[in-house]
């Protein structure tokens, strides 16, 4: 029997995605939705459709979560933003290989801006609903504002430069031989792990090993 608990469903779907078995995952989640159309099951289906690059279908599922006005509404808004933002990144990478005077470059720039314009209101809605959960909107809006509106970028960058703010559970921070170890079971926010104050220019060699079981992270140095 396929488990119905959300924790197990999420882990199994992650496995399907990692193994390239998205169709199998969709078949299983559709069976679960036939018995119980929960926001979480809908969200998982939207993620699987997103992984298949069936963006219109994914957006329809996420919009259903939003219209039901239950759990995962902010997350659904964020994922709709992803359906426009990440296709734009493919074009960004293509443009990085082109000369600025290449006619294709300007054509691509217009496509990027068009996709960013579509993504922008969804990330902004996610920010409105969950302002402390920057994983849903933070870096995406920074990229979008940098391209579309420098004033909004400066405002958001100022927010990003503020001091540490976080909520965390099960946090253990210990010195180990030659460095530090930071382990946390649940974390949302930003924390400074180490600060160097140097009196003169000095070459530093830093090794950072980071592992996440879920969510997104960003290292700033």
N, C-alpha and C. Protein backbone atom coordinates (compact mmCIF):
# COMPACT_ATOMS: atom_id res chain seq x y z
N UNK A 1 0.84 -1.20 0.00
CA UNK A 1 0.00 0.00 0.00
C UNK A 1 0.87 1.25 0.00
N UNK A 2 0.47 2.24 -0.76
CA UNK A 2 1.20 3.51 -0.78
C UNK A 2 0.81 4.32 0.45
N UNK A 3 1.79 4.83 1.22
CA UNK A 3 1.46 5.56 2.45
C UNK A 3 0.71 6.85 2.15
N UNK A 4 -0.11 7.27 3.14
CA UNK A 4 -0.89 8.50 2.97
C UNK A 4 -0.37 9.64 3.84
N UNK A 5 0.53 9.32 4.79
CA UNK A 5 1.07 10.38 5.63
C UNK A 5 1.91 11.34 4.80
N UNK A 6 1.72 12.64 5.03
CA UNK A 6 2.38 13.65 4.20
C UNK A 6 3.90 13.52 4.23
N UNK A 7 4.45 13.20 5.41
CA UNK A 7 5.91 13.09 5.53
C UNK A 7 6.44 12.03 4.57
N UNK A 8 5.81 10.85 4.58
CA UNK A 8 6.26 9.75 3.73
C UNK A 8 6.00 10.06 2.26
N UNK A 9 4.84 10.66 1.97
CA UNK A 9 4.52 11.00 0.59
C UNK A 9 5.58 11.95 0.03
N UNK A 10 5.93 12.98 0.81
CA UNK A 10 6.94 13.94 0.36
C UNK A 10 8.29 13.29 0.09
N UNK A 11 8.72 12.40 0.99
CA UNK A 11 10.01 11.73 0.81
C UNK A 11 9.99 10.82 -0.42
N UNK A 12 8.89 10.10 -0.61
CA UNK A 12 8.81 9.22 -1.77
C UNK A 12 8.80 10.02 -3.07
N UNK A 13 8.09 11.15 -3.07
CA UNK A 13 8.06 11.98 -4.28
C UNK A 13 9.43 12.57 -4.57
N UNK A 14 10.17 12.95 -3.52
CA UNK A 14 11.54 13.42 -3.72
C UNK A 14 12.39 12.33 -4.38
N UNK A 15 12.17 11.10 -3.94
CA UNK A 15 12.90 9.96 -4.52
C UNK A 15 12.56 9.81 -5.99
N UNK A 16 11.26 9.88 -6.31
CA UNK A 16 10.84 9.76 -7.71
C UNK A 16 11.49 10.85 -8.57
N UNK A 17 11.53 12.07 -8.05
CA UNK A 17 12.12 13.18 -8.80
C UNK A 17 13.61 12.94 -9.02
N UNK A 18 14.31 12.56 -7.95
CA UNK A 18 15.76 12.34 -8.05
C UNK A 18 16.10 11.21 -9.02
N UNK A 19 15.23 10.21 -9.11
CA UNK A 19 15.48 9.07 -9.98
C UNK A 19 14.89 9.26 -11.39
N UNK A 20 14.32 10.43 -11.64
CA UNK A 20 13.73 10.68 -12.95
C UNK A 20 12.46 9.89 -13.20
N UNK A 21 11.75 9.55 -12.12
CA UNK A 21 10.53 8.75 -12.21
C UNK A 21 9.29 9.60 -11.93
N UNK A 22 9.25 10.77 -12.57
CA UNK A 22 8.18 11.72 -12.26
C UNK A 22 6.82 11.18 -12.68
N UNK A 23 6.75 10.47 -13.79
CA UNK A 23 5.47 9.90 -14.22
C UNK A 23 4.92 8.92 -13.20
N UNK A 24 5.81 8.11 -12.62
CA UNK A 24 5.38 7.19 -11.57
C UNK A 24 4.84 7.96 -10.37
N UNK A 25 5.53 9.05 -10.02
CA UNK A 25 5.08 9.87 -8.91
C UNK A 25 3.71 10.48 -9.17
N UNK A 26 3.50 10.95 -10.40
CA UNK A 26 2.19 11.53 -10.76
C UNK A 26 1.08 10.49 -10.67
N UNK A 27 1.37 9.27 -11.10
CA UNK A 27 0.36 8.21 -11.03
C UNK A 27 -0.04 7.95 -9.59
N UNK A 28 0.93 7.95 -8.68
CA UNK A 28 0.64 7.69 -7.27
C UNK A 28 -0.12 8.86 -6.63
N UNK A 29 0.31 10.09 -6.93
CA UNK A 29 -0.34 11.24 -6.30
C UNK A 29 -1.75 11.40 -6.83
N UNK A 30 -1.99 11.04 -8.08
CA UNK A 30 -3.35 11.10 -8.62
C UNK A 30 -4.28 10.12 -7.91
N UNK A 31 -3.75 8.95 -7.54
CA UNK A 31 -4.54 7.98 -6.78
C UNK A 31 -4.90 8.55 -5.40
N UNK A 32 -3.94 9.22 -4.77
CA UNK A 32 -4.20 9.82 -3.46
C UNK A 32 -5.23 10.95 -3.58
N UNK A 33 -5.10 11.75 -4.63
CA UNK A 33 -6.05 12.86 -4.83
C UNK A 33 -7.46 12.35 -5.10
N UNK A 34 -7.56 11.17 -5.67
CA UNK A 34 -8.88 10.61 -5.94
C UNK A 34 -9.62 10.26 -4.66
N UNK A 35 -8.85 10.03 -3.58
CA UNK A 35 -9.47 9.68 -2.29
C UNK A 35 -9.56 10.88 -1.35
N UNK A 36 -8.60 11.82 -1.50
CA UNK A 36 -8.58 12.98 -0.60
C UNK A 36 -7.81 14.12 -1.27
N UNK A 37 -8.51 15.18 -1.65
CA UNK A 37 -7.87 16.30 -2.35
C UNK A 37 -7.39 17.33 -1.33
N UNK A 38 -6.28 17.02 -0.66
CA UNK A 38 -5.73 17.93 0.34
C UNK A 38 -4.83 18.95 -0.34
N UNK A 39 -4.60 20.11 0.31
CA UNK A 39 -3.67 21.09 -0.26
C UNK A 39 -2.28 20.51 -0.49
N UNK A 40 -1.85 19.65 0.42
CA UNK A 40 -0.50 19.08 0.29
C UNK A 40 -0.40 18.18 -0.93
N UNK A 41 -1.39 17.30 -1.13
CA UNK A 41 -1.37 16.42 -2.30
C UNK A 41 -1.41 17.25 -3.59
N UNK A 42 -2.24 18.30 -3.60
CA UNK A 42 -2.28 19.17 -4.77
C UNK A 42 -0.92 19.83 -5.00
N UNK A 43 -0.30 20.28 -3.92
CA UNK A 43 1.00 20.95 -4.03
C UNK A 43 2.04 19.99 -4.60
N UNK A 44 2.03 18.76 -4.10
CA UNK A 44 2.98 17.76 -4.62
C UNK A 44 2.74 17.52 -6.10
N UNK A 45 1.48 17.42 -6.51
CA UNK A 45 1.19 17.23 -7.94
C UNK A 45 1.70 18.42 -8.75
N UNK A 46 1.51 19.63 -8.22
CA UNK A 46 2.03 20.81 -8.91
C UNK A 46 3.53 20.76 -9.07
N UNK A 47 4.23 20.31 -8.02
CA UNK A 47 5.69 20.20 -8.07
C UNK A 47 6.10 19.19 -9.14
N UNK A 48 5.42 18.06 -9.19
CA UNK A 48 5.76 17.04 -10.18
C UNK A 48 5.53 17.55 -11.61
N UNK A 49 4.43 18.26 -11.82
CA UNK A 49 4.17 18.84 -13.14
C UNK A 49 5.23 19.89 -13.49
N UNK A 50 5.64 20.66 -12.49
CA UNK A 50 6.71 21.64 -12.67
C UNK A 50 8.00 20.94 -13.09
N UNK A 51 8.31 19.81 -12.44
CA UNK A 51 9.53 19.07 -12.77
C UNK A 51 9.49 18.54 -14.20
N UNK A 52 8.28 18.26 -14.71
CA UNK A 52 8.13 17.81 -16.10
C UNK A 52 8.11 18.98 -17.08
N UNK A 53 8.25 20.19 -16.53
CA UNK A 53 8.21 21.42 -17.33
C UNK A 53 6.84 21.62 -17.99
N UNK A 54 5.80 21.04 -17.40
CA UNK A 54 4.43 21.28 -17.83
C UNK A 54 3.90 22.47 -17.02
N UNK A 55 4.43 23.64 -17.35
CA UNK A 55 4.22 24.81 -16.51
C UNK A 55 2.76 25.26 -16.46
N UNK A 56 2.07 25.22 -17.58
CA UNK A 56 0.66 25.64 -17.58
C UNK A 56 -0.18 24.73 -16.68
N UNK A 57 0.08 23.43 -16.73
CA UNK A 57 -0.65 22.50 -15.88
C UNK A 57 -0.30 22.71 -14.41
N UNK A 58 0.98 22.97 -14.15
CA UNK A 58 1.40 23.22 -12.77
C UNK A 58 0.74 24.48 -12.22
N UNK A 59 0.71 25.54 -13.04
CA UNK A 59 0.09 26.79 -12.61
C UNK A 59 -1.39 26.57 -12.29
N UNK A 60 -2.07 25.76 -13.08
CA UNK A 60 -3.49 25.47 -12.83
C UNK A 60 -3.68 24.80 -11.47
N UNK A 61 -2.78 23.87 -11.12
CA UNK A 61 -2.88 23.20 -9.82
C UNK A 61 -2.61 24.17 -8.69
N UNK A 62 -1.57 24.99 -8.83
CA UNK A 62 -1.24 25.95 -7.77
C UNK A 62 -2.36 26.98 -7.60
N UNK A 63 -2.97 27.37 -8.71
CA UNK A 63 -4.11 28.31 -8.62
C UNK A 63 -5.29 27.67 -7.88
N UNK A 64 -5.43 26.36 -8.01
CA UNK A 64 -6.51 25.67 -7.30
C UNK A 64 -6.26 25.73 -5.79
N UNK A 65 -5.00 25.57 -5.38
CA UNK A 65 -4.65 25.70 -3.96
C UNK A 65 -4.99 27.11 -3.46
N UNK A 66 -4.66 28.09 -4.28
CA UNK A 66 -4.92 29.49 -3.90
C UNK A 66 -6.42 29.74 -3.78
N UNK A 67 -7.19 29.25 -4.73
CA UNK A 67 -8.64 29.49 -4.71
C UNK A 67 -9.31 28.77 -3.56
N UNK A 68 -8.73 27.63 -3.13
CA UNK A 68 -9.29 26.92 -1.98
C UNK A 68 -9.02 27.65 -0.67
N UNK A 69 -7.99 28.52 -0.69
CA UNK A 69 -7.68 29.39 0.45
C UNK A 69 -7.46 28.61 1.75
N UNK A 70 -6.73 27.50 1.63
CA UNK A 70 -6.39 26.72 2.81
C UNK A 70 -4.90 26.82 3.11
N UNK A 71 -4.26 25.67 3.33
CA UNK A 71 -2.82 25.64 3.57
C UNK A 71 -2.04 25.82 2.28
N UNK A 72 -0.77 26.22 2.44
CA UNK A 72 0.20 26.29 1.34
C UNK A 72 -0.12 27.33 0.27
N UNK A 73 -0.88 28.36 0.63
CA UNK A 73 -1.22 29.39 -0.35
C UNK A 73 0.02 30.21 -0.73
N UNK A 74 0.80 30.63 0.25
CA UNK A 74 2.01 31.40 -0.05
C UNK A 74 2.97 30.57 -0.89
N UNK A 75 3.09 29.29 -0.54
CA UNK A 75 3.97 28.40 -1.30
C UNK A 75 3.48 28.24 -2.74
N UNK A 76 2.17 28.18 -2.92
CA UNK A 76 1.61 28.06 -4.27
C UNK A 76 1.91 29.31 -5.10
N UNK A 77 1.77 30.49 -4.49
CA UNK A 77 2.13 31.72 -5.20
C UNK A 77 3.60 31.69 -5.61
N UNK A 78 4.45 31.26 -4.70
CA UNK A 78 5.88 31.21 -5.00
C UNK A 78 6.18 30.25 -6.14
N UNK A 79 5.53 29.10 -6.15
CA UNK A 79 5.79 28.13 -7.21
C UNK A 79 5.28 28.61 -8.57
N UNK A 80 4.19 29.37 -8.57
CA UNK A 80 3.76 29.96 -9.85
C UNK A 80 4.85 30.91 -10.34
N UNK A 81 5.42 31.68 -9.42
CA UNK A 81 6.54 32.54 -9.81
C UNK A 81 7.67 31.73 -10.41
N UNK A 82 7.96 30.55 -9.81
CA UNK A 82 9.02 29.69 -10.33
C UNK A 82 8.74 29.25 -11.77
N UNK A 83 7.47 29.06 -12.09
CA UNK A 83 7.09 28.59 -13.43
C UNK A 83 7.45 29.61 -14.51
N UNK A 84 7.68 30.85 -14.12
CA UNK A 84 8.12 31.87 -15.05
C UNK A 84 9.60 32.22 -14.84
N UNK A 85 10.03 32.24 -13.58
CA UNK A 85 11.39 32.68 -13.26
C UNK A 85 12.44 31.71 -13.80
N UNK A 86 12.25 30.41 -13.58
CA UNK A 86 13.30 29.47 -13.95
C UNK A 86 13.41 29.23 -15.45
N UNK A 87 12.31 29.25 -16.21
CA UNK A 87 12.49 29.25 -17.67
C UNK A 87 13.29 30.48 -18.13
N UNK A 88 13.12 31.60 -17.43
CA UNK A 88 13.90 32.79 -17.77
C UNK A 88 15.39 32.57 -17.53
N UNK A 89 15.73 31.76 -16.51
CA UNK A 89 17.14 31.53 -16.20
C UNK A 89 17.85 30.77 -17.32
N UNK A 90 17.11 29.93 -18.02
CA UNK A 90 17.70 29.22 -19.17
C UNK A 90 18.13 30.23 -20.23
N UNK A 91 17.30 31.26 -20.42
CA UNK A 91 17.62 32.30 -21.41
C UNK A 91 18.77 33.17 -20.89
N UNK A 92 18.78 33.43 -19.58
CA UNK A 92 19.89 34.18 -18.98
C UNK A 92 21.22 33.48 -19.25
N UNK A 93 21.24 32.17 -19.07
CA UNK A 93 22.46 31.40 -19.30
C UNK A 93 22.84 31.43 -20.79
N UNK A 94 21.85 31.40 -21.66
CA UNK A 94 22.13 31.48 -23.09
C UNK A 94 22.74 32.84 -23.44
N UNK A 95 22.19 33.90 -22.84
CA UNK A 95 22.69 35.24 -23.14
C UNK A 95 24.11 35.45 -22.63
N UNK A 96 24.48 34.72 -21.57
CA UNK A 96 25.82 34.87 -21.02
C UNK A 96 26.89 34.42 -22.02
N UNK A 97 26.49 33.64 -23.02
CA UNK A 97 27.43 33.14 -24.02
C UNK A 97 27.42 33.99 -25.30
N UNK A 98 26.53 35.00 -25.34
CA UNK A 98 26.40 35.82 -26.54
C UNK A 98 27.08 37.18 -26.36
N UNK A 99 27.53 37.75 -27.45
CA UNK A 99 28.03 39.12 -27.43
C UNK A 99 26.85 40.08 -27.32
N UNK A 100 27.09 41.21 -26.65
CA UNK A 100 26.00 42.17 -26.44
C UNK A 100 25.47 42.72 -27.75
N UNK A 101 26.31 42.78 -28.78
CA UNK A 101 25.86 43.32 -30.06
C UNK A 101 25.22 42.25 -30.95
N UNK A 102 25.11 41.03 -30.45
CA UNK A 102 24.42 39.97 -31.18
C UNK A 102 22.92 40.27 -31.15
N UNK A 103 22.23 40.30 -32.31
CA UNK A 103 20.78 40.58 -32.33
C UNK A 103 19.98 39.64 -31.42
N UNK A 104 20.45 38.43 -31.28
CA UNK A 104 19.77 37.45 -30.44
C UNK A 104 19.80 37.88 -28.98
N UNK A 105 20.84 38.64 -28.59
CA UNK A 105 20.99 39.07 -27.20
C UNK A 105 19.82 39.95 -26.77
N UNK A 106 19.50 40.97 -27.56
CA UNK A 106 18.39 41.86 -27.21
C UNK A 106 17.05 41.14 -27.25
N UNK A 107 16.91 40.23 -28.19
CA UNK A 107 15.67 39.44 -28.26
C UNK A 107 15.51 38.62 -26.97
N UNK A 108 16.60 38.03 -26.53
CA UNK A 108 16.56 37.25 -25.29
C UNK A 108 16.28 38.13 -24.07
N UNK A 109 16.89 39.32 -24.05
CA UNK A 109 16.66 40.24 -22.93
C UNK A 109 15.18 40.58 -22.80
N UNK A 110 14.54 40.79 -23.92
CA UNK A 110 13.10 41.09 -23.89
C UNK A 110 12.29 39.91 -23.36
N UNK A 111 12.68 38.69 -23.73
CA UNK A 111 12.01 37.50 -23.22
C UNK A 111 12.20 37.35 -21.72
N UNK A 112 13.41 37.61 -21.26
CA UNK A 112 13.70 37.53 -19.82
C UNK A 112 12.83 38.51 -19.05
N UNK A 113 12.78 39.74 -19.53
CA UNK A 113 11.99 40.76 -18.85
C UNK A 113 10.50 40.39 -18.85
N UNK A 114 10.04 39.83 -19.95
CA UNK A 114 8.63 39.43 -20.03
C UNK A 114 8.31 38.35 -19.00
N UNK A 115 9.19 37.36 -18.87
CA UNK A 115 8.97 36.29 -17.90
C UNK A 115 9.11 36.81 -16.47
N UNK A 116 10.06 37.71 -16.25
CA UNK A 116 10.22 38.31 -14.91
C UNK A 116 8.98 39.12 -14.52
N UNK A 117 8.42 39.83 -15.48
CA UNK A 117 7.20 40.61 -15.20
C UNK A 117 6.05 39.68 -14.78
N UNK A 118 5.99 38.51 -15.40
CA UNK A 118 4.95 37.56 -15.04
C UNK A 118 5.20 36.96 -13.66
N UNK A 119 6.45 36.68 -13.34
CA UNK A 119 6.78 36.07 -12.05
C UNK A 119 6.63 37.04 -10.88
N UNK A 120 6.92 38.31 -11.12
CA UNK A 120 7.02 39.32 -10.07
C UNK A 120 5.80 39.39 -9.14
N UNK A 121 4.56 39.50 -9.63
CA UNK A 121 3.43 39.64 -8.69
C UNK A 121 3.21 38.41 -7.83
N UNK A 122 3.60 37.24 -8.30
CA UNK A 122 3.40 36.02 -7.52
C UNK A 122 4.40 35.96 -6.36
N UNK A 123 5.65 36.32 -6.62
CA UNK A 123 6.63 36.38 -5.53
C UNK A 123 6.26 37.49 -4.54
N UNK A 124 5.77 38.59 -5.05
CA UNK A 124 5.37 39.68 -4.15
C UNK A 124 4.21 39.26 -3.27
N UNK A 125 3.29 38.46 -3.80
CA UNK A 125 2.18 37.96 -2.99
C UNK A 125 2.69 36.99 -1.94
N UNK A 126 3.63 36.13 -2.32
CA UNK A 126 4.23 35.22 -1.34
C UNK A 126 4.93 36.00 -0.23
N UNK A 127 5.60 37.09 -0.60
CA UNK A 127 6.26 37.95 0.39
C UNK A 127 5.23 38.60 1.31
N UNK A 128 4.10 39.04 0.75
CA UNK A 128 3.04 39.65 1.55
C UNK A 128 2.48 38.66 2.57
N UNK A 129 2.29 37.41 2.14
CA UNK A 129 1.70 36.40 3.01
C UNK A 129 2.68 35.85 4.04
N UNK A 130 3.94 35.69 3.62
CA UNK A 130 4.96 35.14 4.53
C UNK A 130 6.23 35.98 4.42
N UNK A 131 6.21 37.18 5.01
CA UNK A 131 7.37 38.08 4.86
C UNK A 131 8.65 37.55 5.50
N UNK A 132 8.53 36.66 6.48
CA UNK A 132 9.72 36.13 7.14
C UNK A 132 10.30 34.91 6.44
N UNK A 133 9.56 34.35 5.50
CA UNK A 133 10.04 33.16 4.78
C UNK A 133 10.66 33.59 3.46
N UNK A 134 11.88 34.11 3.53
CA UNK A 134 12.54 34.65 2.34
C UNK A 134 12.88 33.58 1.30
N UNK A 135 12.88 32.31 1.72
CA UNK A 135 13.14 31.24 0.75
C UNK A 135 12.09 31.22 -0.35
N UNK A 136 10.91 31.74 -0.06
CA UNK A 136 9.82 31.74 -1.04
C UNK A 136 9.94 32.87 -2.06
N UNK A 137 10.66 33.94 -1.72
CA UNK A 137 10.63 35.11 -2.58
C UNK A 137 11.92 35.92 -2.62
N UNK A 138 12.79 35.79 -1.63
CA UNK A 138 13.92 36.72 -1.46
C UNK A 138 14.83 36.90 -2.65
N UNK A 139 15.60 35.87 -2.99
CA UNK A 139 16.57 35.99 -4.08
C UNK A 139 15.89 36.17 -5.44
N UNK A 140 14.69 35.61 -5.58
CA UNK A 140 13.97 35.75 -6.85
C UNK A 140 13.61 37.21 -7.11
N UNK A 141 13.06 37.87 -6.08
CA UNK A 141 12.71 39.28 -6.25
C UNK A 141 13.94 40.15 -6.43
N UNK A 142 15.04 39.81 -5.76
CA UNK A 142 16.27 40.58 -5.96
C UNK A 142 16.70 40.53 -7.43
N UNK A 143 16.68 39.34 -8.01
CA UNK A 143 17.05 39.20 -9.43
C UNK A 143 16.09 39.97 -10.32
N UNK A 144 14.79 39.85 -10.03
CA UNK A 144 13.78 40.51 -10.86
C UNK A 144 13.88 42.02 -10.75
N UNK A 145 14.01 42.52 -9.52
CA UNK A 145 14.10 43.98 -9.34
C UNK A 145 15.37 44.53 -9.97
N UNK A 146 16.46 43.76 -9.91
CA UNK A 146 17.71 44.22 -10.54
C UNK A 146 17.52 44.42 -12.04
N UNK A 147 16.74 43.55 -12.63
CA UNK A 147 16.52 43.63 -14.07
C UNK A 147 15.46 44.68 -14.44
N UNK A 148 14.42 44.81 -13.59
CA UNK A 148 13.26 45.61 -13.96
C UNK A 148 13.16 46.95 -13.26
N UNK A 149 13.59 47.00 -11.99
CA UNK A 149 13.34 48.21 -11.19
C UNK A 149 14.42 48.36 -10.13
N UNK A 150 15.40 49.20 -10.41
CA UNK A 150 16.54 49.34 -9.49
C UNK A 150 16.13 49.91 -8.14
N UNK A 151 15.10 50.77 -8.12
CA UNK A 151 14.67 51.35 -6.84
C UNK A 151 14.14 50.25 -5.92
N UNK A 152 13.34 49.33 -6.46
CA UNK A 152 12.83 48.22 -5.66
C UNK A 152 13.97 47.30 -5.24
N UNK A 153 14.96 47.13 -6.14
CA UNK A 153 16.14 46.31 -5.81
C UNK A 153 16.88 46.91 -4.62
N UNK A 154 17.12 48.22 -4.66
CA UNK A 154 17.85 48.88 -3.58
C UNK A 154 17.12 48.72 -2.26
N UNK A 155 15.77 48.81 -2.29
CA UNK A 155 14.98 48.67 -1.08
C UNK A 155 15.09 47.26 -0.51
N UNK A 156 15.01 46.26 -1.39
CA UNK A 156 15.08 44.87 -0.94
C UNK A 156 16.49 44.51 -0.52
N UNK A 157 17.49 45.05 -1.22
CA UNK A 157 18.88 44.80 -0.86
C UNK A 157 19.19 45.38 0.52
N UNK A 158 18.61 46.52 0.83
CA UNK A 158 18.78 47.12 2.15
C UNK A 158 18.21 46.20 3.23
N UNK A 159 17.05 45.61 2.95
CA UNK A 159 16.45 44.66 3.88
C UNK A 159 17.35 43.44 4.05
N UNK A 160 17.93 42.98 2.93
CA UNK A 160 18.78 41.78 2.97
C UNK A 160 20.06 42.03 3.75
N UNK A 161 20.52 43.30 3.81
CA UNK A 161 21.78 43.62 4.49
C UNK A 161 21.63 43.83 5.98
N UNK A 162 20.40 43.73 6.49
CA UNK A 162 20.19 43.91 7.92
C UNK A 162 20.78 42.74 8.69
N UNK A 163 20.80 42.87 10.02
CA UNK A 163 21.41 41.86 10.88
C UNK A 163 20.68 40.53 10.84
N UNK A 164 21.29 39.56 11.55
CA UNK A 164 20.74 38.21 11.59
C UNK A 164 19.32 38.21 12.12
N UNK A 165 18.44 37.47 11.43
CA UNK A 165 17.06 37.26 11.88
C UNK A 165 16.70 35.82 11.55
N UNK A 166 16.24 35.09 12.53
CA UNK A 166 15.94 33.70 12.24
C UNK A 166 15.05 33.09 13.32
N UNK A 167 14.44 31.99 12.95
CA UNK A 167 13.80 31.10 13.91
C UNK A 167 14.40 29.72 13.64
N UNK A 168 14.72 28.99 14.68
CA UNK A 168 15.37 27.69 14.47
C UNK A 168 15.02 26.74 15.59
N UNK A 169 15.17 25.46 15.28
CA UNK A 169 14.90 24.41 16.24
C UNK A 169 16.04 23.41 16.19
N UNK A 170 16.36 22.84 17.35
CA UNK A 170 17.38 21.80 17.41
C UNK A 170 18.74 22.27 16.96
N UNK A 171 19.13 23.50 17.34
CA UNK A 171 20.38 24.09 16.86
C UNK A 171 21.56 23.67 17.73
N UNK A 172 22.66 23.22 17.08
CA UNK A 172 23.90 22.89 17.78
C UNK A 172 25.04 23.55 17.00
N UNK A 173 25.80 24.42 17.67
CA UNK A 173 26.90 25.14 17.04
C UNK A 173 28.14 24.90 17.88
N UNK A 174 29.11 24.15 17.33
CA UNK A 174 30.28 23.76 18.11
C UNK A 174 31.56 24.01 17.33
N UNK A 175 32.65 24.39 18.05
CA UNK A 175 33.96 24.41 17.40
C UNK A 175 34.44 22.98 17.21
N UNK A 176 35.01 22.71 16.05
CA UNK A 176 35.64 21.42 15.79
C UNK A 176 37.06 21.70 15.34
N UNK A 177 37.86 20.66 15.16
CA UNK A 177 39.25 20.86 14.80
C UNK A 177 39.38 21.66 13.50
N UNK A 178 39.94 22.83 13.61
CA UNK A 178 40.17 23.65 12.43
C UNK A 178 38.97 24.41 11.93
N UNK A 179 37.85 24.42 12.69
CA UNK A 179 36.69 25.13 12.19
C UNK A 179 35.50 25.04 13.11
N UNK A 180 34.31 25.07 12.52
CA UNK A 180 33.07 25.08 13.28
C UNK A 180 32.05 24.13 12.64
N UNK A 181 31.16 23.63 13.46
CA UNK A 181 30.07 22.78 12.98
C UNK A 181 28.75 23.40 13.42
N UNK A 182 27.82 23.54 12.47
CA UNK A 182 26.50 24.10 12.77
C UNK A 182 25.45 23.13 12.24
N UNK A 183 24.66 22.57 13.15
CA UNK A 183 23.61 21.62 12.79
C UNK A 183 22.29 22.11 13.33
N UNK A 184 21.26 22.05 12.52
CA UNK A 184 19.95 22.54 12.96
C UNK A 184 18.87 21.68 12.30
N UNK A 185 17.82 21.34 13.06
CA UNK A 185 16.75 20.51 12.50
C UNK A 185 15.76 21.33 11.69
N UNK A 186 15.57 22.62 12.06
CA UNK A 186 14.66 23.48 11.31
C UNK A 186 15.17 24.91 11.42
N UNK A 187 15.28 25.60 10.28
CA UNK A 187 15.86 26.94 10.27
C UNK A 187 15.17 27.79 9.23
N UNK A 188 14.84 29.02 9.60
CA UNK A 188 14.24 29.96 8.66
C UNK A 188 14.82 31.35 8.96
N UNK A 189 15.67 31.85 8.09
CA UNK A 189 16.24 33.17 8.33
C UNK A 189 17.69 33.23 7.88
N UNK A 190 18.49 33.99 8.61
CA UNK A 190 19.90 34.19 8.26
C UNK A 190 20.72 34.26 9.54
N UNK A 191 21.88 33.62 9.54
CA UNK A 191 22.75 33.65 10.71
C UNK A 191 24.20 33.73 10.27
N UNK A 192 24.96 34.60 10.93
CA UNK A 192 26.40 34.69 10.69
C UNK A 192 27.09 33.54 11.41
N UNK A 193 27.89 32.78 10.67
CA UNK A 193 28.58 31.65 11.26
C UNK A 193 29.97 32.01 11.76
N UNK A 194 30.63 32.93 11.07
CA UNK A 194 31.96 33.32 11.51
C UNK A 194 32.33 34.66 10.91
N UNK A 195 33.09 35.45 11.65
CA UNK A 195 33.54 36.77 11.19
C UNK A 195 35.03 36.90 11.42
N UNK A 196 35.76 37.34 10.39
CA UNK A 196 37.18 37.64 10.54
C UNK A 196 37.39 39.15 10.52
N UNK A 197 38.23 39.65 11.43
CA UNK A 197 38.66 41.06 11.41
C UNK A 197 40.16 41.07 11.13
N UNK A 198 40.53 41.52 9.93
CA UNK A 198 41.93 41.49 9.52
C UNK A 198 42.49 42.90 9.48
N UNK A 199 43.71 43.05 9.99
CA UNK A 199 44.37 44.36 9.99
C UNK A 199 45.05 44.66 8.67
N UNK A 200 45.23 43.64 7.83
CA UNK A 200 45.86 43.83 6.52
C UNK A 200 45.32 42.77 5.56
N UNK A 201 45.54 42.99 4.26
CA UNK A 201 45.11 42.01 3.27
C UNK A 201 45.78 40.67 3.53
N UNK A 202 44.99 39.62 3.45
CA UNK A 202 45.52 38.29 3.72
C UNK A 202 44.74 37.28 2.92
N UNK A 203 45.45 36.32 2.33
CA UNK A 203 44.78 35.27 1.56
C UNK A 203 44.23 34.22 2.52
N UNK A 204 42.94 33.95 2.39
CA UNK A 204 42.29 32.97 3.25
C UNK A 204 41.83 31.78 2.43
N UNK A 205 41.94 30.61 3.00
CA UNK A 205 41.42 29.40 2.38
C UNK A 205 40.34 28.84 3.30
N UNK A 206 39.12 28.77 2.77
CA UNK A 206 37.98 28.35 3.58
C UNK A 206 37.27 27.19 2.88
N UNK A 207 37.05 26.12 3.61
CA UNK A 207 36.30 24.98 3.08
C UNK A 207 34.94 24.94 3.77
N UNK A 208 33.89 24.95 2.97
CA UNK A 208 32.53 24.93 3.50
C UNK A 208 31.82 23.69 2.99
N UNK A 209 31.33 22.88 3.90
CA UNK A 209 30.56 21.69 3.54
C UNK A 209 29.14 21.90 4.04
N UNK A 210 28.19 21.92 3.12
CA UNK A 210 26.81 22.22 3.47
C UNK A 210 25.90 21.12 2.93
N UNK A 211 24.98 20.65 3.77
CA UNK A 211 24.03 19.62 3.35
C UNK A 211 22.63 20.01 3.80
N UNK A 212 21.66 19.99 2.87
CA UNK A 212 20.26 20.29 3.17
C UNK A 212 19.41 19.09 2.81
N UNK A 213 18.51 18.70 3.72
CA UNK A 213 17.56 17.64 3.39
C UNK A 213 16.30 18.21 2.76
N UNK A 214 16.04 19.52 2.99
CA UNK A 214 14.85 20.14 2.42
C UNK A 214 15.03 21.64 2.44
N UNK A 215 14.44 22.33 1.46
CA UNK A 215 14.49 23.80 1.43
C UNK A 215 15.64 24.30 0.58
N UNK A 216 15.95 25.59 0.73
CA UNK A 216 17.03 26.22 -0.03
C UNK A 216 17.91 27.02 0.93
N UNK A 217 19.15 27.19 0.53
CA UNK A 217 20.08 27.96 1.35
C UNK A 217 21.00 28.79 0.48
N UNK A 218 21.59 29.82 1.06
CA UNK A 218 22.51 30.68 0.32
C UNK A 218 23.68 31.01 1.24
N UNK A 219 24.91 30.81 0.74
CA UNK A 219 26.11 31.16 1.48
C UNK A 219 26.61 32.51 0.99
N UNK A 220 26.83 33.44 1.92
CA UNK A 220 27.30 34.79 1.58
C UNK A 220 28.64 35.00 2.27
N UNK A 221 29.64 35.46 1.50
CA UNK A 221 30.96 35.71 2.10
C UNK A 221 31.49 37.05 1.66
